[in-house]
Amino acid sequence: MRRRHPPQRITLIPARYWWTIAQVSHQATIQEQPLGRASHSNASPCAAMDDDQLVRDVESRIPSLPIAYWSKNKNFLQQKSSTCAKYPSIFELEFNNIYWQTLRTTNGTFQLFGAYYDIRRTSLLGPTVRILGMIDRIEPKVKTYCQFWFDGQKEPFIVKTFEYKYIWYNKWGNYKQGIYQPYLIACQIPKPFHGVVPSSVSMVEKECDTATNNLRVIYNRPPDDQKKGFAVCVKGLDFLYDDLSVRLIEWIEMLNILGADKIYFYNLQVHPNITKVLSHYEQEGKVQVIPLTLPGGQPNVPGFQHLYLTKKTNHKRQNEVIPYNDCLYKNLYLYDYIALLDIDEVIMPKGNAVLWSELMAKVRPESRKFKPDGFHSYNFRNVYFLDDQQHEHGWHKDIPKYMHMLQHVHRAKNYTKPNQYVKCFHDPERVLTLHNHFPLSCLGGVCKSYPVDTQDAQLQHYRADCVKTLKKSCEEYRENSVEDKTIWKYKDELIRRTIKALDTLGFFRRSGLGSGSGSSSGLGATTHSTER
């Protein structure tokens, strides 16, 4: 794991030299290039792309489509096959809502999102391709097959689907036929091709069917096989009307200081200023933005989609499972730990630890006293930093008022119960499927999560209110609060970084004697909870 240096202590900028945040108009300058797509800056905007450029452009827009493989081999693959199955033309695939591909069977419809190569040593299946998607059936009974296509091979190798792994619990609701449910589908790679990564895979109901789907098999490894430390995955952002841009800058900078090597944002619909912020950090290489839609008949029209996700909570939760697990499988071999966080949550080291790497250097050896072969994940207790708890105590004059987390240093005295609303560092070598709060299934048996002592770290959750299921407890959390300035050990560095980003993005306006003591107005100051 790469070691990071602790944040440098610096001298604070005197308040009389601070600028105040300006409300950026809805006509804020936004990059024309959509997030998550490759740009071709060396080409004239009016110049027509050649085929190779088009292939690269499409591949950047739809990473799951094996267009490069098809383009390279299309003449070879279109030759008559001696077997029953032929390679599907990309023009004959059935796409759904841009990023999904469809398989229709006699007993249910599959919406497929991605395929991933799994050769983890803890897997009992051996080399396997895992396909992530949604099926409008519970306990699907239909028999299906995977057609594997290998580079240089005109014929597919066909295997029966091994399993449909449900990424949900029945008791959580929506356990009904006809509603799209999240699944991880496994197909074992045939022995003659162990050690070879398939170029693409198609799912069919009958072995000889011409497929209506074809997914590129994703296998991301670092060039030097040296993993980085921490990746953070953020579910589909749904902030079309909420300008949380300043809050988001503070959060991204905080995670970078703690040691997040990269943050992966899945993007449904966001405010233009959030788009501007994400574009900035994507150019810096600190984040990656992945466009996302809802599959099947679910709405993707801006505004209507937000209303749908607000009112259909279980549908929202089931859809969130897809980006979480896509993020896991794209990064299986790239990081030591993967965390699933909302943009109002921070895993905060306590005591002498400053970085996440220092925290885990302490926690992991302690955990092995209880399970010598290691845990699947390491969970952190949730504690609320509610907005009104700080408002009762006033603002801190040496901190810009728009720095939400640094200003809010009063929290509930009591944590939520163990294993409730926790967040984890997951070991990607050991987990099979992930939910928002914990692993749902793991390699090597039942999932085991190590509860990190609250003396070592905590999950700081910044909200206007508790989640709906904790309404009764929330009154007690409000009435019993304590001051907790743990975050202030990062104060100087966090202020410096945030001011620099805001300045670079043009979110400031000059004022004669601007002060961070309360007169400054902040973008995204509207209180918003990311978890309902």
Protein backbone atom coordinates (compact mmCIF):
# COMPACT_ATOMS: atom_id res chain seq x y z
CA MET A 1 0.00 0.00 0.00
CA ARG A 2 1.32 3.42 -0.86
CA ARG A 3 2.03 5.50 2.21
CA ARG A 4 0.76 9.06 2.37
CA HIS A 5 2.28 11.84 4.42
CA PRO A 6 0.11 13.45 7.11
CA PRO A 7 -1.50 16.72 6.08
CA GLN A 8 0.89 19.66 6.35
CA ARG A 9 0.13 22.26 8.99
CA ILE A 10 -0.13 25.72 7.46
CA THR A 11 -0.87 29.23 8.58
CA LEU A 12 -4.52 30.16 8.15
CA ILE A 13 -5.36 32.94 5.75
CA PRO A 14 -6.49 35.97 7.81
CA ALA A 15 -10.23 36.44 7.65
CA ARG A 16 -9.92 39.98 6.30
CA TYR A 17 -8.40 38.54 3.12
CA TRP A 18 -11.03 35.86 2.60
CA TRP A 19 -13.42 36.11 -0.26
CA THR A 20 -17.10 35.40 0.02
CA ILE A 21 -18.86 32.73 -1.90
CA ALA A 22 -20.90 34.02 -4.82
CA GLN A 23 -24.08 32.32 -5.88
CA VAL A 24 -23.28 31.08 -9.35
CA SER A 25 -26.11 31.54 -11.81
CA HIS A 26 -27.78 28.61 -13.50
CA GLN A 27 -25.83 29.63 -16.58
CA ALA A 28 -22.59 28.59 -14.84
CA THR A 29 -19.88 27.62 -17.28
CA ILE A 30 -20.04 23.87 -17.73
CA GLN A 31 -17.80 21.74 -19.89
CA GLU A 32 -19.58 20.66 -23.04
CA GLN A 33 -17.94 17.25 -22.82
CA PRO A 34 -20.31 14.98 -20.83
CA LEU A 35 -18.93 13.47 -17.65
CA GLY A 36 -17.36 10.07 -17.93
CA ARG A 37 -16.67 10.38 -21.64
CA ALA A 38 -13.38 10.69 -23.40
CA SER A 39 -12.58 13.92 -25.21
CA HIS A 40 -10.57 14.33 -28.38
CA SER A 41 -9.06 17.74 -27.85
CA ASN A 42 -6.70 17.43 -30.81
CA ALA A 43 -9.54 17.12 -33.30
CA SER A 44 -11.44 20.00 -34.81
CA PRO A 45 -15.03 20.15 -33.48
CA CYS A 46 -16.25 20.17 -37.07
CA ALA A 47 -13.99 17.40 -38.33
CA ALA A 48 -15.59 14.03 -38.96
CA MET A 49 -14.22 11.16 -36.89
CA ASP A 50 -12.70 8.19 -38.63
CA ASP A 51 -13.74 4.67 -37.63
CA ASP A 52 -10.99 4.26 -35.04
CA GLN A 53 -11.91 7.54 -33.36
CA LEU A 54 -15.57 6.56 -33.34
CA VAL A 55 -14.73 3.22 -31.74
CA ARG A 56 -12.72 4.91 -28.98
CA ASP A 57 -15.48 7.44 -28.42
CA VAL A 58 -18.23 4.82 -28.17
CA GLU A 59 -16.06 2.64 -25.91
CA SER A 60 -15.59 5.58 -23.53
CA ARG A 61 -19.34 6.22 -23.46
CA ILE A 62 -20.41 2.58 -23.03
CA PRO A 63 -17.53 0.66 -21.37
CA SER A 64 -19.54 -2.57 -21.29
CA LEU A 65 -19.85 -2.71 -25.10
CA PRO A 66 -17.01 -4.72 -26.74
CA ILE A 67 -16.94 -2.44 -29.78
CA ALA A 68 -13.14 -2.49 -30.09
CA TYR A 69 -13.13 -6.31 -30.22
CA TRP A 70 -16.00 -6.31 -32.72
CA SER A 71 -14.34 -3.67 -34.91
CA LYS A 72 -11.06 -5.56 -34.96
CA ASN A 73 -12.63 -8.95 -35.72
CA LYS A 74 -15.91 -8.17 -37.52
CA ASN A 75 -14.89 -9.66 -40.87
CA PHE A 76 -13.46 -12.75 -39.21
CA LEU A 77 -16.46 -13.18 -36.89
CA GLN A 78 -19.02 -12.79 -39.67
CA GLN A 79 -17.75 -15.90 -41.40
CA LYS A 80 -20.08 -18.87 -41.18
CA SER A 81 -19.64 -20.72 -37.91
CA SER A 82 -19.43 -24.50 -37.78
CA THR A 83 -21.18 -24.44 -34.40
CA CYS A 84 -24.75 -23.45 -33.72
CA ALA A 85 -24.05 -19.94 -32.39
CA LYS A 86 -22.70 -16.95 -34.29
CA TYR A 87 -21.21 -13.76 -32.96
CA PRO A 88 -23.91 -11.10 -32.62
CA SER A 89 -23.42 -7.91 -34.56
CA ILE A 90 -23.35 -4.89 -32.28
CA PHE A 91 -26.09 -3.45 -34.50
CA GLU A 92 -28.41 -6.33 -33.60
CA LEU A 93 -28.07 -6.04 -29.83
CA GLU A 94 -31.05 -4.90 -27.77
CA PHE A 95 -30.05 -1.89 -25.71
CA ASN A 96 -32.09 -0.48 -22.87
CA ASN A 97 -31.70 3.04 -21.49
CA ILE A 98 -28.23 3.44 -23.04
CA TYR A 99 -26.09 1.38 -20.64
CA TRP A 100 -28.09 -1.85 -20.33
CA GLN A 101 -28.46 -4.83 -22.67
CA THR A 102 -31.47 -7.12 -22.73
CA LEU A 103 -32.12 -10.86 -22.71
CA ARG A 104 -35.76 -11.88 -23.09
CA THR A 105 -36.58 -15.45 -22.03
CA THR A 106 -39.71 -17.56 -21.74
CA ASN A 107 -39.72 -16.83 -18.00
CA GLY A 108 -38.44 -13.34 -17.34
CA THR A 109 -36.45 -10.47 -18.82
CA PHE A 110 -32.81 -9.76 -17.95
CA GLN A 111 -31.31 -6.25 -18.05
CA LEU A 112 -27.52 -6.69 -18.04
CA PHE A 113 -25.14 -3.95 -16.90
CA GLY A 114 -21.62 -5.39 -16.82
CA ALA A 115 -19.42 -8.50 -16.95
CA TYR A 116 -16.25 -9.04 -14.92
CA TYR A 117 -13.38 -11.55 -14.82
CA ASP A 118 -12.99 -13.13 -11.38
CA ILE A 119 -9.88 -15.17 -10.59
CA ARG A 120 -9.71 -14.50 -6.86
CA ARG A 121 -7.93 -17.27 -5.00
CA THR A 122 -10.69 -17.51 -2.38
CA SER A 123 -13.34 -18.37 -5.00
CA LEU A 124 -14.24 -22.05 -5.17
CA LEU A 125 -15.53 -21.72 -8.75
CA GLY A 126 -12.14 -21.12 -10.31
CA PRO A 127 -11.90 -18.61 -13.16
CA THR A 128 -15.38 -17.17 -13.58
CA VAL A 129 -17.18 -14.39 -15.39
CA ARG A 130 -19.70 -12.63 -13.17
CA ILE A 131 -22.50 -10.70 -14.84
CA LEU A 132 -24.28 -7.92 -12.98
CA GLY A 133 -27.85 -7.06 -13.84
CA MET A 134 -31.52 -7.08 -12.93
CA ILE A 135 -34.15 -9.73 -13.61
CA ASP A 136 -37.90 -9.22 -13.28
CA ARG A 137 -38.22 -12.50 -11.39
CA ILE A 138 -37.64 -13.70 -7.85
CA GLU A 139 -35.82 -17.03 -7.66
CA PRO A 140 -35.45 -17.24 -11.46
CA LYS A 141 -36.02 -20.76 -12.77
CA VAL A 142 -35.18 -20.28 -16.42
CA LYS A 143 -32.08 -22.11 -17.64
CA THR A 144 -29.59 -19.90 -19.44
CA TYR A 145 -26.16 -20.21 -21.02
CA CYS A 146 -23.09 -18.04 -21.41
CA GLN A 147 -21.44 -17.82 -24.81
CA PHE A 148 -17.78 -16.90 -24.28
CA TRP A 149 -15.91 -15.23 -27.11
CA PHE A 150 -12.11 -15.35 -26.98
CA ASP A 151 -9.75 -13.27 -29.09
CA GLY A 152 -8.72 -15.16 -32.23
CA GLN A 153 -11.46 -17.79 -31.86
CA LYS A 154 -14.28 -17.86 -34.41
CA GLU A 155 -16.34 -20.26 -32.34
CA PRO A 156 -17.87 -19.48 -28.94
CA PHE A 157 -17.40 -21.72 -25.94
CA ILE A 158 -20.77 -22.28 -24.33
CA VAL A 159 -21.36 -23.12 -20.67
CA LYS A 160 -24.46 -23.40 -18.56
CA THR A 161 -25.06 -20.56 -16.12
CA PHE A 162 -23.85 -21.66 -12.69
CA GLU A 163 -25.98 -19.47 -10.40
CA TYR A 164 -28.14 -16.38 -9.96
CA LYS A 165 -26.97 -14.72 -6.74
CA TYR A 166 -29.71 -12.49 -5.29
CA ILE A 167 -28.31 -9.15 -4.05
CA TRP A 168 -31.15 -8.40 -1.66
CA TYR A 169 -32.97 -9.82 1.37
CA ASN A 170 -36.58 -10.96 1.01
CA LYS A 171 -37.63 -9.20 4.22
CA TRP A 172 -36.59 -5.79 2.85
CA GLY A 173 -39.59 -5.69 0.53
CA ASN A 174 -40.30 -5.62 -3.21
CA TYR A 175 -40.11 -9.39 -3.19
CA LYS A 176 -42.56 -9.74 -6.07
CA GLN A 177 -42.56 -11.20 -9.54
CA GLY A 178 -42.46 -8.58 -12.28
CA ILE A 179 -40.28 -6.10 -10.35
CA TYR A 180 -36.68 -5.86 -11.48
CA GLN A 181 -34.43 -7.43 -8.85
CA PRO A 182 -30.61 -7.16 -8.60
CA TYR A 183 -28.57 -10.31 -9.32
CA LEU A 184 -24.98 -11.38 -9.81
CA ILE A 185 -24.84 -14.20 -12.36
CA ALA A 186 -21.89 -16.60 -12.52
CA CYS A 187 -20.54 -18.55 -15.49
CA GLN A 188 -17.43 -20.69 -15.08
CA ILE A 189 -14.76 -20.45 -17.76
CA PRO A 190 -14.03 -23.81 -19.44
CA LYS A 191 -10.77 -25.48 -18.40
CA PRO A 192 -9.05 -25.18 -21.81
CA PHE A 193 -9.26 -21.41 -21.34
CA HIS A 194 -8.17 -21.06 -17.75
CA GLY A 195 -5.71 -18.19 -17.73
CA VAL A 196 -7.31 -16.51 -20.76
CA VAL A 197 -9.65 -13.56 -20.36
CA PRO A 198 -12.73 -13.76 -22.61
CA SER A 199 -13.12 -10.75 -24.86
CA SER A 200 -16.88 -10.76 -24.42
CA VAL A 201 -19.80 -12.81 -23.15
CA SER A 202 -23.42 -13.18 -24.19
CA MET A 203 -26.30 -14.69 -22.25
CA VAL A 204 -28.89 -16.78 -24.09
CA GLU A 205 -31.76 -19.08 -23.15
CA LYS A 206 -30.85 -21.77 -25.67
CA GLU A 207 -27.30 -22.67 -26.56
CA CYS A 208 -27.72 -21.99 -30.27
CA ASP A 209 -29.59 -18.70 -29.94
CA THR A 210 -28.13 -15.63 -31.61
CA ALA A 211 -27.62 -13.36 -28.65
CA THR A 212 -29.28 -9.97 -28.21
CA ASN A 213 -26.59 -8.94 -25.72
CA ASN A 214 -22.81 -8.92 -25.74
CA LEU A 215 -20.79 -7.55 -22.84
CA ARG A 216 -17.10 -6.76 -22.74
CA VAL A 217 -15.47 -8.75 -19.95
CA ILE A 218 -13.80 -6.22 -17.65
CA TYR A 219 -10.47 -7.12 -16.07
CA ASN A 220 -8.66 -4.13 -14.60
CA ARG A 221 -5.22 -4.71 -13.14
CA PRO A 222 -2.52 -2.17 -12.27
CA PRO A 223 0.39 -2.31 -14.75
CA ASP A 224 2.88 -3.16 -12.00
CA ASP A 225 0.41 -5.33 -10.05
CA GLN A 226 0.83 -2.97 -7.07
CA LYS A 227 -2.49 -2.18 -5.46
CA LYS A 228 -3.35 1.27 -4.20
CA GLY A 229 -4.89 1.73 -0.78
CA PHE A 230 -8.49 2.96 -0.81
CA ALA A 231 -11.28 3.46 -3.33
CA VAL A 232 -14.58 5.11 -2.45
CA CYS A 233 -17.77 4.33 -4.37
CA VAL A 234 -20.74 6.71 -4.41
CA LYS A 235 -24.18 5.53 -5.53
CA GLY A 236 -26.13 7.24 -8.32
CA LEU A 237 -26.18 10.98 -7.57
CA ASP A 238 -29.74 12.35 -7.60
CA PHE A 239 -29.33 16.07 -6.91
CA LEU A 240 -30.94 17.74 -9.89
CA TYR A 241 -32.38 20.60 -7.84
CA ASP A 242 -29.96 20.71 -4.89
CA ASP A 243 -26.80 22.73 -5.37
CA LEU A 244 -24.47 20.88 -3.02
CA SER A 245 -21.34 21.94 -4.88
CA VAL A 246 -19.54 23.59 -1.95
CA ARG A 247 -20.43 20.76 0.43
CA LEU A 248 -19.16 18.34 -2.18
CA ILE A 249 -15.83 20.14 -2.55
CA GLU A 250 -15.23 20.03 1.21
CA TRP A 251 -16.13 16.32 1.26
CA ILE A 252 -13.89 15.37 -1.68
CA GLU A 253 -10.96 17.28 -0.20
CA MET A 254 -11.52 15.66 3.20
CA LEU A 255 -11.42 12.17 1.69
CA ASN A 256 -8.31 13.01 -0.32
CA ILE A 257 -6.57 14.14 2.86
CA LEU A 258 -7.58 10.92 4.64
CA GLY A 259 -6.07 8.81 1.87
CA ALA A 260 -8.77 8.02 -0.69
CA ASP A 261 -6.83 7.24 -3.87
CA LYS A 262 -9.89 7.71 -6.06
CA ILE A 263 -13.60 8.39 -5.66
CA TYR A 264 -16.00 6.77 -8.14
CA PHE A 265 -19.23 8.71 -8.60
CA TYR A 266 -22.22 7.23 -10.41
CA ASN A 267 -24.27 10.01 -11.93
CA LEU A 268 -28.03 10.02 -12.47
CA GLN A 269 -29.07 13.71 -12.48
CA VAL A 270 -27.21 16.58 -10.82
CA HIS A 271 -27.26 20.38 -10.58
CA PRO A 272 -25.01 22.20 -13.13
CA ASN A 273 -22.66 23.40 -10.38
CA ILE A 274 -22.15 19.82 -9.19
CA THR A 275 -21.32 18.88 -12.77
CA LYS A 276 -18.74 21.66 -12.79
CA VAL A 277 -17.17 20.40 -9.55
CA LEU A 278 -17.03 16.78 -10.71
CA SER A 279 -15.50 17.79 -14.05
CA HIS A 280 -12.77 19.71 -12.20
CA TYR A 281 -11.81 16.77 -10.00
CA GLU A 282 -12.06 14.33 -12.88
CA GLN A 283 -9.51 16.40 -14.79
CA GLU A 284 -7.26 16.26 -11.73
CA GLY A 285 -7.55 12.46 -11.66
CA LYS A 286 -9.07 12.39 -8.18
CA VAL A 287 -12.49 11.14 -9.21
CA GLN A 288 -14.13 9.17 -11.98
CA VAL A 289 -17.72 9.86 -13.01
CA ILE A 290 -19.78 7.01 -14.47
CA PRO A 291 -23.09 7.92 -16.15
CA LEU A 292 -26.00 5.81 -14.95
CA THR A 293 -29.62 5.15 -15.89
CA LEU A 294 -32.41 3.02 -14.45
CA PRO A 295 -33.25 -0.12 -16.47
CA GLY A 296 -36.50 -1.49 -17.79
CA GLY A 297 -39.58 0.69 -17.70
CA GLN A 298 -38.28 2.88 -14.90
CA PRO A 299 -38.19 6.63 -15.63
CA ASN A 300 -35.04 8.46 -16.67
CA VAL A 301 -36.59 11.83 -17.51
CA PRO A 302 -35.02 14.54 -15.31
CA GLY A 303 -37.33 15.56 -12.51
CA PHE A 304 -39.65 12.60 -12.98
CA GLN A 305 -36.82 10.22 -12.13
CA HIS A 306 -36.14 12.17 -8.92
CA LEU A 307 -39.82 12.01 -7.97
CA TYR A 308 -39.88 8.26 -8.69
CA LEU A 309 -36.82 7.58 -6.51
CA THR A 310 -38.25 9.72 -3.71
CA LYS A 311 -41.59 7.92 -3.64
CA LYS A 312 -40.46 4.37 -4.51
CA THR A 313 -37.91 3.82 -1.76
CA ASN A 314 -37.46 0.06 -2.19
CA HIS A 315 -37.01 0.46 -5.94
CA LYS A 316 -34.41 3.14 -5.21
CA ARG A 317 -32.53 0.85 -2.81
CA GLN A 318 -32.55 -2.08 -5.24
CA ASN A 319 -31.24 0.11 -8.05
CA GLU A 320 -28.43 1.39 -5.80
CA VAL A 321 -27.06 -2.13 -5.52
CA ILE A 322 -25.99 -2.08 -9.17
CA PRO A 323 -23.47 0.81 -9.05
CA TYR A 324 -22.09 -0.43 -5.73
CA ASN A 325 -21.28 -3.85 -7.14
CA ASP A 326 -20.13 -2.52 -10.50
CA CYS A 327 -17.66 -0.36 -8.59
CA LEU A 328 -16.49 -3.38 -6.59
CA TYR A 329 -15.90 -5.60 -9.61
CA LYS A 330 -14.21 -2.96 -11.75
CA ASN A 331 -11.75 -2.42 -8.91
CA LEU A 332 -11.27 -5.98 -7.61
CA TYR A 333 -7.53 -5.99 -8.22
CA LEU A 334 -6.73 -2.27 -7.90
CA TYR A 335 -7.22 -1.46 -4.20
CA ASP A 336 -6.69 -2.99 -0.77
CA TYR A 337 -10.00 -1.61 0.50
CA ILE A 338 -13.24 -0.35 -0.99
CA ALA A 339 -15.68 1.88 0.93
CA LEU A 340 -19.27 2.72 -0.04
CA LEU A 341 -20.01 6.20 1.24
CA ASP A 342 -22.64 8.90 0.80
CA ILE A 343 -21.47 12.47 0.38
CA ASP A 344 -22.56 13.33 3.94
CA GLU A 345 -20.46 10.57 5.55
CA VAL A 346 -16.81 10.40 6.59
CA ILE A 347 -14.95 7.49 8.19
CA MET A 348 -12.96 9.51 10.73
CA PRO A 349 -9.80 8.15 12.39
CA LYS A 350 -9.43 9.00 16.07
CA GLY A 351 -6.52 8.98 18.49
CA ASN A 352 -3.09 9.20 16.90
CA ALA A 353 -4.17 7.95 13.47
CA VAL A 354 -4.40 10.65 10.82
CA LEU A 355 -4.69 8.63 7.62
CA TRP A 356 -6.92 5.68 6.78
CA SER A 357 -3.77 3.64 6.14
CA GLU A 358 -2.54 4.38 9.67
CA LEU A 359 -5.94 3.45 11.06
CA MET A 360 -5.99 0.09 9.30
CA ALA A 361 -2.36 -0.60 10.25
CA LYS A 362 -3.65 -0.59 13.83
CA VAL A 363 -7.04 -2.23 13.30
CA ARG A 364 -6.08 -5.16 11.11
CA PRO A 365 -3.54 -6.76 13.52
CA GLU A 366 -6.03 -6.34 16.38
CA SER A 367 -8.77 -8.02 14.35
CA ARG A 368 -6.60 -11.07 13.65
CA LYS A 369 -6.67 -11.93 17.33
CA PHE A 370 -10.31 -12.90 16.75
CA LYS A 371 -10.02 -14.29 13.22
CA PRO A 372 -6.44 -15.11 12.19
CA ASP A 373 -7.26 -15.48 8.50
CA GLY A 374 -8.83 -12.02 8.38
CA PHE A 375 -12.29 -10.47 8.11
CA HIS A 376 -14.32 -9.75 5.00
CA SER A 377 -14.92 -6.16 6.07
CA TYR A 378 -14.27 -3.68 8.89
CA ASN A 379 -17.29 -1.68 10.03
CA PHE A 380 -17.53 1.72 11.70
CA ARG A 381 -20.27 2.85 14.09
CA ASN A 382 -22.56 5.61 12.88
CA VAL A 383 -22.93 8.84 14.86
CA TYR A 384 -25.02 11.85 13.85
CA PHE A 385 -23.76 15.41 13.51
CA LEU A 386 -27.19 17.04 13.17
CA ASP A 387 -27.47 20.54 11.74
CA ASP A 388 -29.44 22.12 14.56
CA GLN A 389 -27.06 20.82 17.23
CA GLN A 390 -24.43 23.19 15.88
CA HIS A 391 -26.84 26.05 15.25
CA GLU A 392 -27.62 26.09 18.97
CA HIS A 393 -23.92 26.65 19.75
CA GLY A 394 -23.17 29.27 17.10
CA TRP A 395 -20.52 29.48 14.41
CA HIS A 396 -16.74 29.31 14.68
CA LYS A 397 -15.30 32.62 13.52
CA ASP A 398 -11.92 31.26 12.42
CA ILE A 399 -13.57 28.86 9.95
CA PRO A 400 -15.44 29.90 6.79
CA LYS A 401 -19.15 29.47 7.41
CA TYR A 402 -19.56 27.52 4.18
CA MET A 403 -17.26 24.75 5.54
CA HIS A 404 -20.11 22.61 6.77
CA MET A 405 -18.21 19.75 8.37
CA LEU A 406 -15.62 21.95 10.07
CA GLN A 407 -18.38 24.16 11.46
CA HIS A 408 -20.44 21.23 12.77
CA VAL A 409 -18.54 19.81 15.74
CA HIS A 410 -21.45 18.88 18.02
CA ARG A 411 -22.74 15.35 17.67
CA ALA A 412 -25.11 12.95 19.36
CA LYS A 413 -23.58 11.59 22.54
CA ASN A 414 -24.66 8.05 21.67
CA TYR A 415 -23.88 6.08 18.55
CA THR A 416 -26.54 4.15 16.67
CA LYS A 417 -26.66 0.50 17.71
CA PRO A 418 -23.87 -1.86 16.65
CA ASN A 419 -24.35 -3.15 13.08
CA GLN A 420 -27.01 -0.50 12.36
CA TYR A 421 -26.26 2.11 9.68
CA VAL A 422 -22.58 1.19 9.72
CA LYS A 423 -20.22 1.70 6.81
CA CYS A 424 -17.25 -0.52 6.02
CA PHE A 425 -13.86 -0.89 4.50
CA HIS A 426 -14.39 -4.01 2.38
CA ASP A 427 -11.65 -6.44 1.39
CA PRO A 428 -12.26 -6.93 -2.35
CA GLU A 429 -10.42 -10.27 -2.26
CA ARG A 430 -13.12 -11.69 0.02
CA VAL A 431 -16.53 -10.11 -0.64
CA LEU A 432 -18.92 -11.38 -3.30
CA THR A 433 -21.82 -8.90 -3.23
CA LEU A 434 -22.22 -5.59 -1.43
CA HIS A 435 -25.08 -3.64 0.07
CA ASN A 436 -24.94 -0.02 1.20
CA HIS A 437 -24.04 -0.91 4.80
CA PHE A 438 -22.36 -4.32 4.71
CA PRO A 439 -21.50 -7.32 2.49
CA LEU A 440 -24.47 -9.50 1.57
CA SER A 441 -22.42 -12.52 0.50
CA CYS A 442 -18.75 -13.43 0.73
CA LEU A 443 -16.24 -15.89 -0.63
CA GLY A 444 -15.33 -18.70 1.72
CA GLY A 445 -18.58 -18.82 3.69
CA VAL A 446 -20.61 -16.52 5.90
CA CYS A 447 -19.58 -12.86 5.88
CA LYS A 448 -17.64 -11.76 8.95
CA SER A 449 -17.30 -8.05 9.65
CA TYR A 450 -15.00 -6.68 12.34
CA PRO A 451 -16.50 -3.87 14.47
CA VAL A 452 -13.85 -1.17 14.78
CA ASP A 453 -13.73 0.30 18.29
CA THR A 454 -15.16 3.81 18.52
CA GLN A 455 -11.94 4.82 20.28
CA ASP A 456 -10.17 4.19 16.98
CA ALA A 457 -12.64 5.58 14.43
CA GLN A 458 -16.27 6.48 13.78
CA LEU A 459 -18.60 7.14 10.87
CA GLN A 460 -19.43 10.85 11.06
CA HIS A 461 -22.84 11.40 9.50
CA TYR A 462 -23.83 15.01 8.74
CA ARG A 463 -27.61 15.32 8.38
CA ALA A 464 -30.52 17.62 9.01
CA ASP A 465 -32.41 14.76 10.63
CA CYS A 466 -32.08 11.06 11.43
CA VAL A 467 -33.27 8.45 8.97
CA LYS A 468 -37.02 7.83 9.15
CA THR A 469 -36.64 4.50 10.94
CA LEU A 470 -34.88 6.24 13.85
CA LYS A 471 -37.47 8.94 14.59
CA LYS A 472 -37.95 7.84 18.21
CA SER A 473 -34.23 7.59 18.92
CA CYS A 474 -33.59 10.89 17.17
CA GLU A 475 -35.14 12.93 19.97
CA GLU A 476 -32.68 11.36 22.39
CA TYR A 477 -29.80 12.08 19.99
CA ARG A 478 -30.82 15.74 19.83
CA GLU A 479 -31.25 16.18 23.57
CA ASN A 480 -27.92 14.57 24.45
CA SER A 481 -25.05 16.01 22.45
CA VAL A 482 -21.32 16.42 22.97
CA GLU A 483 -18.62 18.50 21.33
CA ASP A 484 -16.38 16.47 19.02
CA LYS A 485 -13.59 18.35 17.26
CA THR A 486 -11.82 15.31 15.85
CA ILE A 487 -12.08 16.75 12.34
CA TRP A 488 -10.18 19.86 13.42
CA LYS A 489 -6.85 18.05 13.23
CA TYR A 490 -7.31 18.48 9.46
CA LYS A 491 -8.65 22.04 9.72
CA ASP A 492 -5.80 24.08 8.23
CA GLU A 493 -5.21 21.75 5.31
CA LEU A 494 -8.92 21.30 4.58
CA ILE A 495 -9.57 25.05 4.56
CA ARG A 496 -6.58 25.67 2.31
CA ARG A 497 -7.58 22.99 -0.19
CA THR A 498 -11.24 23.98 -0.24
CA ILE A 499 -10.49 27.68 -0.78
CA LYS A 500 -8.09 26.79 -3.58
CA ALA A 501 -10.71 24.63 -5.33
CA LEU A 502 -13.44 27.26 -4.93
CA ASP A 503 -11.12 29.90 -6.34
CA THR A 504 -10.08 27.71 -9.28
CA LEU A 505 -13.72 27.01 -10.09
CA GLY A 506 -14.64 30.68 -9.94
CA PHE A 507 -17.10 30.29 -7.06
CA PHE A 508 -15.84 33.40 -5.26
CA ARG A 509 -16.59 37.06 -5.74
CA ARG A 510 -14.31 39.83 -4.48
CA SER A 511 -15.61 41.84 -1.56
CA GLY A 512 -13.81 44.51 0.36
CA LEU A 513 -13.62 42.77 3.74
CA GLY A 514 -15.06 39.32 3.15
CA SER A 515 -15.14 37.14 6.25
CA GLY A 516 -15.75 33.49 6.86
CA SER A 517 -17.33 34.28 10.20
CA GLY A 518 -20.89 34.12 9.06
CA SER A 519 -21.48 36.77 6.42
CA SER A 520 -20.40 34.58 3.53
CA SER A 521 -23.07 32.76 1.63
CA GLY A 522 -22.32 29.28 0.37
CA LEU A 523 -23.22 27.40 -2.75
CA GLY A 524 -25.19 24.32 -1.88
CA ALA A 525 -25.94 25.66 1.57
CA THR A 526 -29.37 24.09 1.36
CA THR A 527 -29.51 21.29 3.89
CA HIS A 528 -30.05 17.96 2.21
CA SER A 529 -29.93 14.38 3.38
CA THR A 530 -28.51 11.84 0.97
CA GLU A 531 -30.16 8.88 2.66
CA ARG A 532 -33.89 8.71 3.08
